[in-house]
């Protein structure tokens, strides 16, 4: 059974509409992917800052522990007993 011209035109319009919809979905998905990549990059930068801060805090803590140990040793040597 042959389609008449009107049916062919209607199917063509439906097909074009579906292609347009698919293109819009691809565009939206690309936008979401770009946003996710930007968020990932920002998170990586924040993580790097946090890791740097953690390393500085660990270094400060280790220095404080070393200073405490030195003070305890000096106290013990001077007074012959533990300070606490």
Protein backbone atom coordinates (compact mmCIF):
# COMPACT_ATOMS: atom_id res chain seq x y z
CA UNK A 1 0.00 0.00 0.00
CA UNK A 2 1.41 3.30 -1.09
CA UNK A 3 1.54 6.27 1.23
CA UNK A 4 0.14 9.41 -0.14
CA UNK A 5 2.14 12.61 -0.12
CA UNK A 6 0.39 13.91 3.00
CA UNK A 7 1.31 10.79 5.00
CA UNK A 8 4.90 10.97 3.78
CA UNK A 9 5.12 14.61 4.82
CA UNK A 10 3.65 13.80 8.24
CA UNK A 11 6.15 10.99 8.78
CA UNK A 12 8.98 13.24 7.63
CA UNK A 13 7.91 15.89 10.14
CA UNK A 14 7.74 13.29 12.92
CA UNK A 15 11.20 12.00 11.98
CA UNK A 16 12.60 15.55 11.92
CA UNK A 17 11.02 16.21 15.31
CA UNK A 18 12.61 13.06 16.74
CA UNK A 19 16.00 14.06 15.33
CA UNK A 20 15.61 17.55 16.83
CA UNK A 21 14.68 15.99 20.18
CA UNK A 22 17.70 13.70 20.07
CA UNK A 23 19.96 16.64 19.23
CA UNK A 24 18.54 18.57 22.20
CA UNK A 25 19.17 15.58 24.48
CA UNK A 26 22.77 15.35 23.23
CA UNK A 27 23.26 19.08 23.81
CA UNK A 28 21.82 18.83 27.32
CA UNK A 29 23.97 15.79 28.11
CA UNK A 30 27.06 17.64 26.84
CA UNK A 31 26.22 20.60 29.08
CA UNK A 32 25.82 18.26 32.07
CA UNK A 33 29.13 16.57 31.24
CA UNK A 34 30.89 19.93 31.03
CA UNK A 35 29.39 20.94 34.38
CA UNK A 36 30.48 17.65 35.94
CA UNK A 37 34.02 18.10 34.61
CA UNK A 38 34.14 21.63 36.04
CA UNK A 39 32.89 20.35 39.40
CA UNK A 40 35.45 17.56 39.35
CA UNK A 41 38.24 20.04 38.61
CA UNK A 42 37.08 22.36 41.41
CA UNK A 43 36.90 19.41 43.81
CA UNK A 44 40.41 18.31 42.81
CA UNK A 45 41.72 21.81 43.49
CA UNK A 46 39.97 21.92 46.87
CA UNK A 47 41.35 18.49 47.71
CA UNK A 48 44.87 19.65 46.83
CA UNK A 49 44.45 22.66 49.13
CA UNK A 50 43.08 20.47 51.92
CA UNK A 51 45.94 18.00 51.52
CA UNK A 52 48.48 20.82 51.66
CA UNK A 53 46.82 22.15 54.83
CA UNK A 54 46.83 18.64 56.34
CA UNK A 55 50.53 18.23 55.59
CA UNK A 56 51.30 21.61 57.16
CA UNK A 57 49.24 20.69 60.22
CA UNK A 58 51.02 17.34 60.49
CA UNK A 59 54.39 19.07 60.26
CA UNK A 60 53.37 21.58 62.95
CA UNK A 61 52.12 18.75 65.15
CA UNK A 62 55.36 16.81 64.73
CA UNK A 63 57.37 19.93 65.60
CA UNK A 64 55.23 20.48 68.69
CA UNK A 65 55.73 16.85 69.76
CA UNK A 66 59.49 17.21 69.27
CA UNK A 67 59.48 20.42 71.35
CA UNK A 68 57.48 18.72 74.11
CA UNK A 69 59.86 15.76 74.18
CA UNK A 70 62.84 18.11 74.37
CA UNK A 71 61.20 20.05 77.21
CA UNK A 72 60.40 16.86 79.13
CA UNK A 73 63.98 15.63 78.66
CA UNK A 74 65.40 18.96 79.84
CA UNK A 75 63.08 18.94 82.86
CA UNK A 76 64.08 15.38 83.76
CA UNK A 77 67.77 16.20 83.43
CA UNK A 78 67.47 19.31 85.57
CA UNK A 79 65.11 18.05 88.27
CA UNK A 80 65.60 14.28 88.12
CA UNK A 81 61.90 13.54 87.79
CA UNK A 82 59.17 13.60 85.17
CA UNK A 83 57.18 16.82 84.92
CA UNK A 84 53.87 14.97 84.81
